[in-house]
């Protein structure tokens, strides 16, 4: 699945405004609809409660660092584990100062839509 991560990164680097806007709209719609129980999660407002089972991949401040995000996704094999009891938790500061902030946001939104 490493190639899927690289493919996603390459797609992020070439994405056109219209497609990016569509991805934002799709993710916004999904987030708006989420409330109650979703799999092993309980969503209450904007708070997501995760049951203590499976594996968690925790990502700290990326600050628009696309290379680090790609590395984390590859090394954790997250895309292979995504359908199992594995969750990806971002702590914030996705892209407030890096060169690839928009691309980092794009990948995070695409992961949400998986």
PDB file of N, CA and C in Angstrom:
ATOM      1  N   UNK A   1       0.802  -1.206   0.000  1.00  0.00           N
ATOM      2  CA  UNK A   1       0.000   0.000   0.000  1.00  0.00           C
ATOM      3  C   UNK A   1       0.844   1.270   0.000  1.00  0.00           C
ATOM      4  N   UNK A   2       2.167   1.114   0.086  1.00  0.00           N
ATOM      5  CA  UNK A   2       3.005   2.296   0.063  1.00  0.00           C
ATOM      6  C   UNK A   2       2.800   3.083  -1.213  1.00  0.00           C
ATOM      7  N   UNK A   3       2.583   2.373  -2.313  1.00  0.00           N
ATOM      8  CA  UNK A   3       2.364   3.083  -3.570  1.00  0.00           C
ATOM      9  C   UNK A   3       1.076   3.891  -3.513  1.00  0.00           C
ATOM     10  N   UNK A   4       0.074   3.425  -2.757  1.00  0.00           N
ATOM     11  CA  UNK A   4      -1.154   4.197  -2.619  1.00  0.00           C
ATOM     12  C   UNK A   4      -0.896   5.513  -1.895  1.00  0.00           C
ATOM     13  N   UNK A   5      -0.024   5.483  -0.892  1.00  0.00           N
ATOM     14  CA  UNK A   5       0.339   6.705  -0.180  1.00  0.00           C
ATOM     15  C   UNK A   5       1.069   7.651  -1.127  1.00  0.00           C
ATOM     16  N   UNK A   6       2.010   7.114  -1.892  1.00  0.00           N
ATOM     17  CA  UNK A   6       2.737   7.948  -2.847  1.00  0.00           C
ATOM     18  C   UNK A   6       1.815   8.480  -3.933  1.00  0.00           C
ATOM     19  N   UNK A   7       0.889   7.646  -4.370  1.00  0.00           N
ATOM     20  CA  UNK A   7      -0.087   8.071  -5.374  1.00  0.00           C
ATOM     21  C   UNK A   7      -0.938   9.216  -4.823  1.00  0.00           C
ATOM     22  N   UNK A   8      -1.351   9.092  -3.569  1.00  0.00           N
ATOM     23  CA  UNK A   8      -2.152  10.128  -2.936  1.00  0.00           C
ATOM     24  C   UNK A   8      -1.351  11.434  -2.829  1.00  0.00           C
ATOM     25  N   UNK A   9      -0.067  11.333  -2.501  1.00  0.00           N
ATOM     26  CA  UNK A   9       0.786  12.521  -2.394  1.00  0.00           C
ATOM     27  C   UNK A   9       0.972  13.180  -3.761  1.00  0.00           C
ATOM     28  N   UNK A  10       1.200  12.381  -4.793  1.00  0.00           N
ATOM     29  CA  UNK A  10       1.351  12.929  -6.146  1.00  0.00           C
ATOM     30  C   UNK A  10       0.059  13.598  -6.603  1.00  0.00           C
ATOM     31  N   UNK A  11      -1.058  12.970  -6.280  1.00  0.00           N
ATOM     32  CA  UNK A  11      -2.362  13.548  -6.614  1.00  0.00           C
ATOM     33  C   UNK A  11      -2.531  14.892  -5.911  1.00  0.00           C
ATOM     34  N   UNK A  12      -2.118  14.963  -4.652  1.00  0.00           N
ATOM     35  CA  UNK A  12      -2.236  16.203  -3.885  1.00  0.00           C
ATOM     36  C   UNK A  12      -1.415  17.326  -4.512  1.00  0.00           C
ATOM     37  N   UNK A  13      -0.264  16.982  -5.064  1.00  0.00           N
ATOM     38  CA  UNK A  13       0.605  17.988  -5.672  1.00  0.00           C
ATOM     39  C   UNK A  13       0.053  18.527  -6.989  1.00  0.00           C
ATOM     40  N   UNK A  14      -0.824  17.762  -7.639  1.00  0.00           N
ATOM     41  CA  UNK A  14      -1.349  18.154  -8.950  1.00  0.00           C
ATOM     42  C   UNK A  14      -2.819  18.572  -8.923  1.00  0.00           C
ATOM     43  N   UNK A  15      -3.444  18.502  -7.768  1.00  0.00           N
ATOM     44  CA  UNK A  15      -4.890  18.705  -7.675  1.00  0.00           C
ATOM     45  C   UNK A  15      -5.285  20.115  -8.150  1.00  0.00           C
ATOM     46  N   UNK A  16      -6.377  20.173  -8.874  1.00  0.00           N
ATOM     47  CA  UNK A  16      -6.921  21.443  -9.338  1.00  0.00           C
ATOM     48  C   UNK A  16      -7.911  21.976  -8.298  1.00  0.00           C
ATOM     49  N   UNK A  17      -8.126  23.259  -8.327  1.00  0.00           N
ATOM     50  CA  UNK A  17      -8.978  23.930  -7.346  1.00  0.00           C
ATOM     51  C   UNK A  17     -10.374  23.308  -7.266  1.00  0.00           C
ATOM     52  N   UNK A  18     -10.970  22.995  -8.411  1.00  0.00           N
ATOM     53  CA  UNK A  18     -12.333  22.457  -8.433  1.00  0.00           C
ATOM     54  C   UNK A  18     -12.408  21.113  -7.714  1.00  0.00           C
ATOM     55  N   UNK A  19     -11.424  20.250  -7.941  1.00  0.00           N
ATOM     56  CA  UNK A  19     -11.400  18.938  -7.293  1.00  0.00           C
ATOM     57  C   UNK A  19     -11.138  19.083  -5.799  1.00  0.00           C
ATOM     58  N   UNK A  20     -10.241  19.978  -5.428  1.00  0.00           N
ATOM     59  CA  UNK A  20      -9.957  20.212  -4.012  1.00  0.00           C
ATOM     60  C   UNK A  20     -11.223  20.698  -3.310  1.00  0.00           C
ATOM     61  N   UNK A  21     -11.933  21.610  -3.956  1.00  0.00           N
ATOM     62  CA  UNK A  21     -13.178  22.134  -3.398  1.00  0.00           C
ATOM     63  C   UNK A  21     -14.208  21.024  -3.231  1.00  0.00           C
ATOM     64  N   UNK A  22     -14.274  20.092  -4.185  1.00  0.00           N
ATOM     65  CA  UNK A  22     -15.208  18.972  -4.084  1.00  0.00           C
ATOM     66  C   UNK A  22     -14.857  18.077  -2.901  1.00  0.00           C
ATOM     67  N   UNK A  23     -13.572  17.806  -2.716  1.00  0.00           N
ATOM     68  CA  UNK A  23     -13.130  16.966  -1.599  1.00  0.00           C
ATOM     69  C   UNK A  23     -13.471  17.643  -0.269  1.00  0.00           C
ATOM     70  N   UNK A  24     -13.244  18.951  -0.177  1.00  0.00           N
ATOM     71  CA  UNK A  24     -13.597  19.691   1.040  1.00  0.00           C
ATOM     72  C   UNK A  24     -15.098  19.593   1.294  1.00  0.00           C
ATOM     73  N   UNK A  25     -15.900  19.775   0.254  1.00  0.00           N
ATOM     74  CA  UNK A  25     -17.357  19.694   0.402  1.00  0.00           C
ATOM     75  C   UNK A  25     -17.797  18.299   0.834  1.00  0.00           C
ATOM     76  N   UNK A  26     -17.221  17.259   0.235  1.00  0.00           N
ATOM     77  CA  UNK A  26     -17.577  15.880   0.602  1.00  0.00           C
ATOM     78  C   UNK A  26     -17.214  15.582   2.054  1.00  0.00           C
ATOM     79  N   UNK A  27     -16.030  16.004   2.473  1.00  0.00           N
ATOM     80  CA  UNK A  27     -15.601  15.768   3.858  1.00  0.00           C
ATOM     81  C   UNK A  27     -16.455  16.569   4.836  1.00  0.00           C
ATOM     82  N   UNK A  28     -16.791  17.798   4.469  1.00  0.00           N
ATOM     83  CA  UNK A  28     -17.649  18.628   5.316  1.00  0.00           C
ATOM     84  C   UNK A  28     -19.014  17.988   5.484  1.00  0.00           C
ATOM     85  N   UNK A  29     -19.565  17.480   4.398  1.00  0.00           N
ATOM     86  CA  UNK A  29     -20.867  16.811   4.445  1.00  0.00           C
ATOM     87  C   UNK A  29     -20.798  15.584   5.360  1.00  0.00           C
ATOM     88  N   UNK A  30     -19.757  14.789   5.223  1.00  0.00           N
ATOM     89  CA  UNK A  30     -19.591  13.598   6.049  1.00  0.00           C
ATOM     90  C   UNK A  30     -19.464  13.968   7.526  1.00  0.00           C
ATOM     91  N   UNK A  31     -18.650  14.963   7.833  1.00  0.00           N
ATOM     92  CA  UNK A  31     -18.479  15.395   9.221  1.00  0.00           C
ATOM     93  C   UNK A  31     -19.782  15.926   9.810  1.00  0.00           C
ATOM     94  N   UNK A  32     -20.562  16.617   8.993  1.00  0.00           N
ATOM     95  CA  UNK A  32     -21.840  17.157   9.444  1.00  0.00           C
ATOM     96  C   UNK A  32     -22.828  16.046   9.770  1.00  0.00           C
ATOM     97  N   UNK A  33     -22.784  14.975   8.994  1.00  0.00           N
ATOM     98  CA  UNK A  33     -23.718  13.861   9.181  1.00  0.00           C
ATOM     99  C   UNK A  33     -23.333  12.942  10.331  1.00  0.00           C
ATOM    100  N   UNK A  34     -22.077  12.970  10.743  1.00  0.00           N
ATOM    101  CA  UNK A  34     -21.614  12.058  11.785  1.00  0.00           C
ATOM    102  C   UNK A  34     -22.120  12.504  13.150  1.00  0.00           C
ATOM    103  N   UNK A  35     -22.867  11.658  13.774  1.00  0.00           N
ATOM    104  CA  UNK A  35     -23.311  11.865  15.144  1.00  0.00           C
ATOM    105  C   UNK A  35     -23.825  10.530  15.645  1.00  0.00           C
ATOM    106  N   UNK A  36     -23.510  10.170  16.849  1.00  0.00           N
ATOM    107  CA  UNK A  36     -23.919   8.876  17.379  1.00  0.00           C
ATOM    108  C   UNK A  36     -22.803   7.869  17.241  1.00  0.00           C
ATOM    109  N   UNK A  37     -23.148   6.619  17.032  1.00  0.00           N
ATOM    110  CA  UNK A  37     -22.148   5.560  16.944  1.00  0.00           C
ATOM    111  C   UNK A  37     -21.757   5.296  15.502  1.00  0.00           C
ATOM    112  N   UNK A  38     -20.457   5.232  15.260  1.00  0.00           N
ATOM    113  CA  UNK A  38     -19.920   4.917  13.940  1.00  0.00           C
ATOM    114  C   UNK A  38     -18.822   3.891  14.170  1.00  0.00           C
ATOM    115  N   UNK A  39     -19.104   2.649  13.870  1.00  0.00           N
ATOM    116  CA  UNK A  39     -18.127   1.596  14.134  1.00  0.00           C
ATOM    117  C   UNK A  39     -17.800   1.525  15.610  1.00  0.00           C
ATOM    118  N   UNK A  40     -16.522   1.638  15.945  1.00  0.00           N
ATOM    119  CA  UNK A  40     -16.079   1.609  17.337  1.00  0.00           C
ATOM    120  C   UNK A  40     -16.010   2.996  17.967  1.00  0.00           C
ATOM    121  N   UNK A  41     -16.582   3.988  17.303  1.00  0.00           N
ATOM    122  CA  UNK A  41     -16.509   5.360  17.789  1.00  0.00           C
ATOM    123  C   UNK A  41     -17.876   5.832  18.244  1.00  0.00           C
ATOM    124  N   UNK A  42     -17.870   6.711  19.230  1.00  0.00           N
ATOM    125  CA  UNK A  42     -19.065   7.453  19.609  1.00  0.00           C
ATOM    126  C   UNK A  42     -18.777   8.915  19.316  1.00  0.00           C
ATOM    127  N   UNK A  43     -19.615   9.528  18.478  1.00  0.00           N
ATOM    128  CA  UNK A  43     -19.437  10.923  18.108  1.00  0.00           C
ATOM    129  C   UNK A  43     -20.486  11.739  18.839  1.00  0.00           C
ATOM    130  N   UNK A  44     -20.021  12.687  19.640  1.00  0.00           N
ATOM    131  CA  UNK A  44     -20.901  13.571  20.390  1.00  0.00           C
ATOM    132  C   UNK A  44     -20.471  14.996  20.063  1.00  0.00           C
ATOM    133  N   UNK A  45     -21.288  15.678  19.255  1.00  0.00           N
ATOM    134  CA  UNK A  45     -20.882  16.997  18.786  1.00  0.00           C
ATOM    135  C   UNK A  45     -19.656  16.845  17.904  1.00  0.00           C
ATOM    136  N   UNK A  46     -18.577  17.494  18.266  1.00  0.00           N
ATOM    137  CA  UNK A  46     -17.318  17.371  17.516  1.00  0.00           C
ATOM    138  C   UNK A  46     -16.310  16.498  18.259  1.00  0.00           C
ATOM    139  N   UNK A  47     -16.740  15.876  19.367  1.00  0.00           N
ATOM    140  CA  UNK A  47     -15.873  15.000  20.144  1.00  0.00           C
ATOM    141  C   UNK A  47     -16.054  13.564  19.679  1.00  0.00           C
ATOM    142  N   UNK A  48     -14.950  12.881  19.437  1.00  0.00           N
ATOM    143  CA  UNK A  48     -14.993  11.476  19.038  1.00  0.00           C
ATOM    144  C   UNK A  48     -14.379  10.660  20.167  1.00  0.00           C
ATOM    145  N   UNK A  49     -15.178   9.755  20.719  1.00  0.00           N
ATOM    146  CA  UNK A  49     -14.693   8.864  21.771  1.00  0.00           C
ATOM    147  C   UNK A  49     -14.321   7.539  21.130  1.00  0.00           C
ATOM    148  N   UNK A  50     -13.093   7.097  21.392  1.00  0.00           N
ATOM    149  CA  UNK A  50     -12.567   5.877  20.789  1.00  0.00           C
ATOM    150  C   UNK A  50     -12.424   4.824  21.875  1.00  0.00           C
ATOM    151  N   UNK A  51     -12.973   3.641  21.624  1.00  0.00           N
ATOM    152  CA  UNK A  51     -12.812   2.531  22.557  1.00  0.00           C
ATOM    153  C   UNK A  51     -11.346   2.106  22.595  1.00  0.00           C
ATOM    154  N   UNK A  52     -10.841   1.741  23.769  1.00  0.00           N
ATOM    155  CA  UNK A  52      -9.430   1.337  23.873  1.00  0.00           C
ATOM    156  C   UNK A  52      -9.182  -0.072  23.345  1.00  0.00           C
ATOM    157  N   UNK A  53      -9.218  -0.187  22.030  1.00  0.00           N
ATOM    158  CA  UNK A  53      -8.925  -1.477  21.399  1.00  0.00           C
ATOM    159  C   UNK A  53      -8.210  -1.216  20.085  1.00  0.00           C
ATOM    160  N   UNK A  54      -7.477  -2.185  19.628  1.00  0.00           N
ATOM    161  CA  UNK A  54      -6.771  -2.036  18.360  1.00  0.00           C
ATOM    162  C   UNK A  54      -5.541  -1.162  18.479  1.00  0.00           C
ATOM    163  N   UNK A  55      -5.179  -0.551  17.370  1.00  0.00           N
ATOM    164  CA  UNK A  55      -3.955   0.244  17.282  1.00  0.00           C
ATOM    165  C   UNK A  55      -4.299   1.683  16.939  1.00  0.00           C
ATOM    166  N   UNK A  56      -3.550   2.613  17.508  1.00  0.00           N
ATOM    167  CA  UNK A  56      -3.720   4.032  17.191  1.00  0.00           C
ATOM    168  C   UNK A  56      -2.411   4.572  16.623  1.00  0.00           C
ATOM    169  N   UNK A  57      -2.520   5.276  15.505  1.00  0.00           N
ATOM    170  CA  UNK A  57      -1.377   5.983  14.932  1.00  0.00           C
ATOM    171  C   UNK A  57      -1.619   7.453  15.249  1.00  0.00           C
ATOM    172  N   UNK A  58      -0.735   8.039  16.039  1.00  0.00           N
ATOM    173  CA  UNK A  58      -0.915   9.414  16.494  1.00  0.00           C
ATOM    174  C   UNK A  58       0.069  10.303  15.747  1.00  0.00           C
ATOM    175  N   UNK A  59      -0.472  11.352  15.125  1.00  0.00           N
ATOM    176  CA  UNK A  59       0.338  12.254  14.310  1.00  0.00           C
ATOM    177  C   UNK A  59       0.349  13.629  14.969  1.00  0.00           C
ATOM    178  N   UNK A  60       1.544  14.105  15.284  1.00  0.00           N
ATOM    179  CA  UNK A  60       1.701  15.419  15.893  1.00  0.00           C
ATOM    180  C   UNK A  60       1.650  16.526  14.856  1.00  0.00           C
ATOM    181  N   UNK A  61       2.128  17.672  15.220  1.00  0.00           N
ATOM    182  CA  UNK A  61       2.074  18.855  14.369  1.00  0.00           C
ATOM    183  C   UNK A  61       2.850  18.640  13.074  1.00  0.00           C
ATOM    184  N   UNK A  62       2.145  18.743  11.955  1.00  0.00           N
ATOM    185  CA  UNK A  62       2.776  18.563  10.645  1.00  0.00           C
ATOM    186  C   UNK A  62       3.249  19.883  10.038  1.00  0.00           C
ATOM    187  N   UNK A  63       2.536  20.946  10.301  1.00  0.00           N
ATOM    188  CA  UNK A  63       2.890  22.268   9.775  1.00  0.00           C
ATOM    189  C   UNK A  63       3.189  22.236   8.277  1.00  0.00           C
ATOM    190  N   UNK A  64       2.356  21.516   7.515  1.00  0.00           N
ATOM    191  CA  UNK A  64       2.511  21.494   6.060  1.00  0.00           C
ATOM    192  C   UNK A  64       3.652  20.644   5.559  1.00  0.00           C
ATOM    193  N   UNK A  65       4.136  19.724   6.369  1.00  0.00           N
ATOM    194  CA  UNK A  65       5.257  18.867   5.976  1.00  0.00           C
ATOM    195  C   UNK A  65       4.721  17.599   5.306  1.00  0.00           C
ATOM    196  N   UNK A  66       4.564  17.672   4.001  1.00  0.00           N
ATOM    197  CA  UNK A  66       4.017  16.566   3.217  1.00  0.00           C
ATOM    198  C   UNK A  66       4.911  15.335   3.284  1.00  0.00           C
ATOM    199  N   UNK A  67       6.208  15.540   3.273  1.00  0.00           N
ATOM    200  CA  UNK A  67       7.145  14.416   3.328  1.00  0.00           C
ATOM    201  C   UNK A  67       6.987  13.628   4.635  1.00  0.00           C
ATOM    202  N   UNK A  68       6.830  14.330   5.748  1.00  0.00           N
ATOM    203  CA  UNK A  68       6.644  13.636   7.031  1.00  0.00           C
ATOM    204  C   UNK A  68       5.327  12.883   7.062  1.00  0.00           C
ATOM    205  N   UNK A  69       4.264  13.492   6.552  1.00  0.00           N
ATOM    206  CA  UNK A  69       2.973  12.806   6.527  1.00  0.00           C
ATOM    207  C   UNK A  69       3.059  11.540   5.690  1.00  0.00           C
ATOM    208  N   UNK A  70       3.664  11.643   4.525  1.00  0.00           N
ATOM    209  CA  UNK A  70       3.825  10.477   3.654  1.00  0.00           C
ATOM    210  C   UNK A  70       4.646   9.393   4.350  1.00  0.00           C
ATOM    211  N   UNK A  71       5.711   9.796   5.011  1.00  0.00           N
ATOM    212  CA  UNK A  71       6.564   8.847   5.736  1.00  0.00           C
ATOM    213  C   UNK A  71       5.778   8.143   6.849  1.00  0.00           C
ATOM    214  N   UNK A  72       5.019   8.897   7.614  1.00  0.00           N
ATOM    215  CA  UNK A  72       4.222   8.323   8.708  1.00  0.00           C
ATOM    216  C   UNK A  72       3.219   7.314   8.165  1.00  0.00           C
ATOM    217  N   UNK A  73       2.528   7.675   7.097  1.00  0.00           N
ATOM    218  CA  UNK A  73       1.523   6.769   6.524  1.00  0.00           C
ATOM    219  C   UNK A  73       2.170   5.505   5.967  1.00  0.00           C
ATOM    220  N   UNK A  74       3.340   5.648   5.359  1.00  0.00           N
ATOM    221  CA  UNK A  74       4.039   4.474   4.816  1.00  0.00           C
ATOM    222  C   UNK A  74       4.565   3.579   5.934  1.00  0.00           C
ATOM    223  N   UNK A  75       5.263   4.158   6.895  1.00  0.00           N
ATOM    224  CA  UNK A  75       5.890   3.369   7.958  1.00  0.00           C
ATOM    225  C   UNK A  75       4.864   2.690   8.862  1.00  0.00           C
ATOM    226  N   UNK A  76       3.724   3.324   9.052  1.00  0.00           N
ATOM    227  CA  UNK A  76       2.686   2.730   9.905  1.00  0.00           C
ATOM    228  C   UNK A  76       1.820   1.736   9.140  1.00  0.00           C
ATOM    229  N   UNK A  77       1.963   1.701   7.812  1.00  0.00           N
ATOM    230  CA  UNK A  77       1.099   0.871   6.955  1.00  0.00           C
ATOM    231  C   UNK A  77      -0.375   1.161   7.213  1.00  0.00           C
ATOM    232  N   UNK A  78      -0.676   2.427   7.459  1.00  0.00           N
ATOM    233  CA  UNK A  78      -2.039   2.785   7.850  1.00  0.00           C
ATOM    234  C   UNK A  78      -3.077   2.375   6.818  1.00  0.00           C
ATOM    235  N   UNK A  79      -2.809   2.593   5.549  1.00  0.00           N
ATOM    236  CA  UNK A  79      -3.815   2.266   4.535  1.00  0.00           C
ATOM    237  C   UNK A  79      -4.127   0.777   4.509  1.00  0.00           C
ATOM    238  N   UNK A  80      -3.161  -0.057   4.828  1.00  0.00           N
ATOM    239  CA  UNK A  80      -3.414  -1.500   4.905  1.00  0.00           C
ATOM    240  C   UNK A  80      -4.239  -1.839   6.135  1.00  0.00           C
ATOM    241  N   UNK A  81      -4.032  -1.095   7.209  1.00  0.00           N
ATOM    242  CA  UNK A  81      -4.692  -1.386   8.478  1.00  0.00           C
ATOM    243  C   UNK A  81      -6.004  -0.633   8.654  1.00  0.00           C
ATOM    244  N   UNK A  82      -6.312   0.282   7.748  1.00  0.00           N
ATOM    245  CA  UNK A  82      -7.438   1.195   7.931  1.00  0.00           C
ATOM    246  C   UNK A  82      -8.765   0.489   8.158  1.00  0.00           C
ATOM    247  N   UNK A  83      -8.947  -0.678   7.588  1.00  0.00           N
ATOM    248  CA  UNK A  83     -10.221  -1.373   7.738  1.00  0.00           C
ATOM    249  C   UNK A  83     -10.240  -2.280   8.955  1.00  0.00           C
ATOM    250  N   UNK A  84      -9.132  -2.358   9.662  1.00  0.00           N
ATOM    251  CA  UNK A  84      -9.065  -3.158  10.882  1.00  0.00           C
ATOM    252  C   UNK A  84      -9.281  -2.221  12.060  1.00  0.00           C
ATOM    253  N   UNK A  85      -8.929  -2.656  13.247  1.00  0.00           N
ATOM    254  CA  UNK A  85      -9.084  -1.819  14.438  1.00  0.00           C
ATOM    255  C   UNK A  85      -7.933  -0.834  14.591  1.00  0.00           C
ATOM    256  N   UNK A  86      -7.668  -0.061  13.564  1.00  0.00           N
ATOM    257  CA  UNK A  86      -6.602   0.933  13.609  1.00  0.00           C
ATOM    258  C   UNK A  86      -7.201   2.303  13.338  1.00  0.00           C
ATOM    259  N   UNK A  87      -6.850   3.263  14.182  1.00  0.00           N
ATOM    260  CA  UNK A  87      -7.339   4.628  14.000  1.00  0.00           C
ATOM    261  C   UNK A  87      -6.151   5.559  13.813  1.00  0.00           C
ATOM    262  N   UNK A  88      -6.381   6.612  13.067  1.00  0.00           N
ATOM    263  CA  UNK A  88      -5.377   7.635  12.813  1.00  0.00           C
ATOM    264  C   UNK A  88      -5.844   8.889  13.533  1.00  0.00           C
ATOM    265  N   UNK A  89      -5.040   9.372  14.472  1.00  0.00           N
ATOM    266  CA  UNK A  89      -5.418  10.524  15.291  1.00  0.00           C
ATOM    267  C   UNK A  89      -4.439  11.665  15.014  1.00  0.00           C
ATOM    268  N   UNK A  90      -4.983  12.788  14.550  1.00  0.00           N
ATOM    269  CA  UNK A  90      -4.175  13.979  14.309  1.00  0.00           C
ATOM    270  C   UNK A  90      -4.359  14.937  15.478  1.00  0.00           C
ATOM    271  N   UNK A  91      -3.263  15.507  15.956  1.00  0.00           N
ATOM    272  CA  UNK A  91      -3.306  16.394  17.110  1.00  0.00           C
ATOM    273  C   UNK A  91      -3.467  17.864  16.737  1.00  0.00           C
ATOM    274  N   UNK A  92      -3.464  18.173  15.463  1.00  0.00           N
ATOM    275  CA  UNK A  92      -3.670  19.552  15.036  1.00  0.00           C
ATOM    276  C   UNK A  92      -2.464  20.116  14.312  1.00  0.00           C
ATOM    277  N   UNK A  93      -2.506  21.426  14.043  1.00  0.00           N
ATOM    278  CA  UNK A  93      -1.444  22.127  13.313  1.00  0.00           C
ATOM    279  C   UNK A  93      -1.052  21.389  12.040  1.00  0.00           C
ATOM    280  N   UNK A  94      -2.051  21.170  11.198  1.00  0.00           N
ATOM    281  CA  UNK A  94      -1.822  20.429   9.957  1.00  0.00           C
ATOM    282  C   UNK A  94      -0.977  21.222   8.973  1.00  0.00           C
ATOM    283  N   UNK A  95      -1.273  22.497   8.827  1.00  0.00           N
ATOM    284  CA  UNK A  95      -0.591  23.207   7.756  1.00  0.00           C
ATOM    285  C   UNK A  95      -0.515  24.703   7.902  1.00  0.00           C
ATOM    286  N   UNK A  96      -0.195  25.203   9.038  1.00  0.00           N
ATOM    287  CA  UNK A  96      -0.233  26.647   9.202  1.00  0.00           C
ATOM    288  C   UNK A  96       1.017  27.391   8.744  1.00  0.00           C
ATOM    289  N   UNK A  97       2.095  26.687   8.379  1.00  0.00           N
ATOM    290  CA  UNK A  97       3.286  27.425   7.948  1.00  0.00           C
ATOM    291  C   UNK A  97       4.171  26.705   6.940  1.00  0.00           C
ATOM    292  N   UNK A  98       3.871  25.510   6.601  1.00  0.00           N
ATOM    293  CA  UNK A  98       4.735  24.760   5.687  1.00  0.00           C
ATOM    294  C   UNK A  98       4.457  25.051   4.229  1.00  0.00           C
ATOM    295  N   UNK A  99       5.361  24.581   3.395  1.00  0.00           N
ATOM    296  CA  UNK A  99       5.254  24.801   1.951  1.00  0.00           C
ATOM    297  C   UNK A  99       4.138  23.990   1.305  1.00  0.00           C
ATOM    298  N   UNK A 100       3.728  22.900   1.940  1.00  0.00           N
ATOM    299  CA  UNK A 100       2.744  22.002   1.343  1.00  0.00           C
ATOM    300  C   UNK A 100       1.500  21.862   2.216  1.00  0.00           C
ATOM    301  N   UNK A 101       1.077  22.955   2.803  1.00  0.00           N
ATOM    302  CA  UNK A 101      -0.082  22.923   3.693  1.00  0.00           C
ATOM    303  C   UNK A 101      -1.338  22.428   2.984  1.00  0.00           C
ATOM    304  N   UNK A 102      -1.614  22.954   1.804  1.00  0.00           N
ATOM    305  CA  UNK A 102      -2.821  22.551   1.074  1.00  0.00           C
ATOM    306  C   UNK A 102      -2.784  21.064   0.746  1.00  0.00           C
ATOM    307  N   UNK A 103      -1.629  20.559   0.382  1.00  0.00           N
ATOM    308  CA  UNK A 103      -1.490  19.139   0.044  1.00  0.00           C
ATOM    309  C   UNK A 103      -1.696  18.254   1.270  1.00  0.00           C
ATOM    310  N   UNK A 104      -1.202  18.699   2.418  1.00  0.00           N
ATOM    311  CA  UNK A 104      -1.416  17.952   3.666  1.00  0.00           C
ATOM    312  C   UNK A 104      -2.904  17.912   3.992  1.00  0.00           C
ATOM    313  N   UNK A 105      -3.569  19.052   3.887  1.00  0.00           N
ATOM    314  CA  UNK A 105      -5.018  19.083   4.128  1.00  0.00           C
ATOM    315  C   UNK A 105      -5.747  18.156   3.155  1.00  0.00           C
ATOM    316  N   UNK A 106      -5.352  18.178   1.908  1.00  0.00           N
ATOM    317  CA  UNK A 106      -5.993  17.327   0.904  1.00  0.00           C
ATOM    318  C   UNK A 106      -5.893  15.855   1.294  1.00  0.00           C
ATOM    319  N   UNK A 107      -4.702  15.404   1.669  1.00  0.00           N
ATOM    320  CA  UNK A 107      -4.524  13.993   2.032  1.00  0.00           C
ATOM    321  C   UNK A 107      -5.338  13.646   3.273  1.00  0.00           C
ATOM    322  N   UNK A 108      -5.351  14.523   4.261  1.00  0.00           N
ATOM    323  CA  UNK A 108      -6.133  14.253   5.475  1.00  0.00           C
ATOM    324  C   UNK A 108      -7.616  14.135   5.135  1.00  0.00           C
ATOM    325  N   UNK A 109      -8.108  15.010   4.286  1.00  0.00           N
ATOM    326  CA  UNK A 109      -9.521  14.941   3.889  1.00  0.00           C
ATOM    327  C   UNK A 109      -9.805  13.674   3.089  1.00  0.00           C
ATOM    328  N   UNK A 110      -8.893  13.295   2.199  1.00  0.00           N
ATOM    329  CA  UNK A 110      -9.078  12.050   1.434  1.00  0.00           C
ATOM    330  C   UNK A 110      -9.090  10.837   2.365  1.00  0.00           C
ATOM    331  N   UNK A 111      -8.243  10.839   3.382  1.00  0.00           N
ATOM    332  CA  UNK A 111      -8.243   9.745   4.358  1.00  0.00           C
ATOM    333  C   UNK A 111      -9.581   9.682   5.086  1.00  0.00           C
ATOM    334  N   UNK A 112     -10.145  10.835   5.398  1.00  0.00           N
ATOM    335  CA  UNK A 112     -11.454  10.874   6.066  1.00  0.00           C
ATOM    336  C   UNK A 112     -12.517  10.238   5.185  1.00  0.00           C
ATOM    337  N   UNK A 113     -12.392  10.426   3.889  1.00  0.00           N
ATOM    338  CA  UNK A 113     -13.404   9.930   2.951  1.00  0.00           C
ATOM    339  C   UNK A 113     -13.232   8.454   2.586  1.00  0.00           C
ATOM    340  N   UNK A 114     -12.150   7.814   3.055  1.00  0.00           N
ATOM    341  CA  UNK A 114     -11.950   6.384   2.753  1.00  0.00           C
ATOM    342  C   UNK A 114     -13.071   5.540   3.327  1.00  0.00           C
TER     343      UNK A 114
END
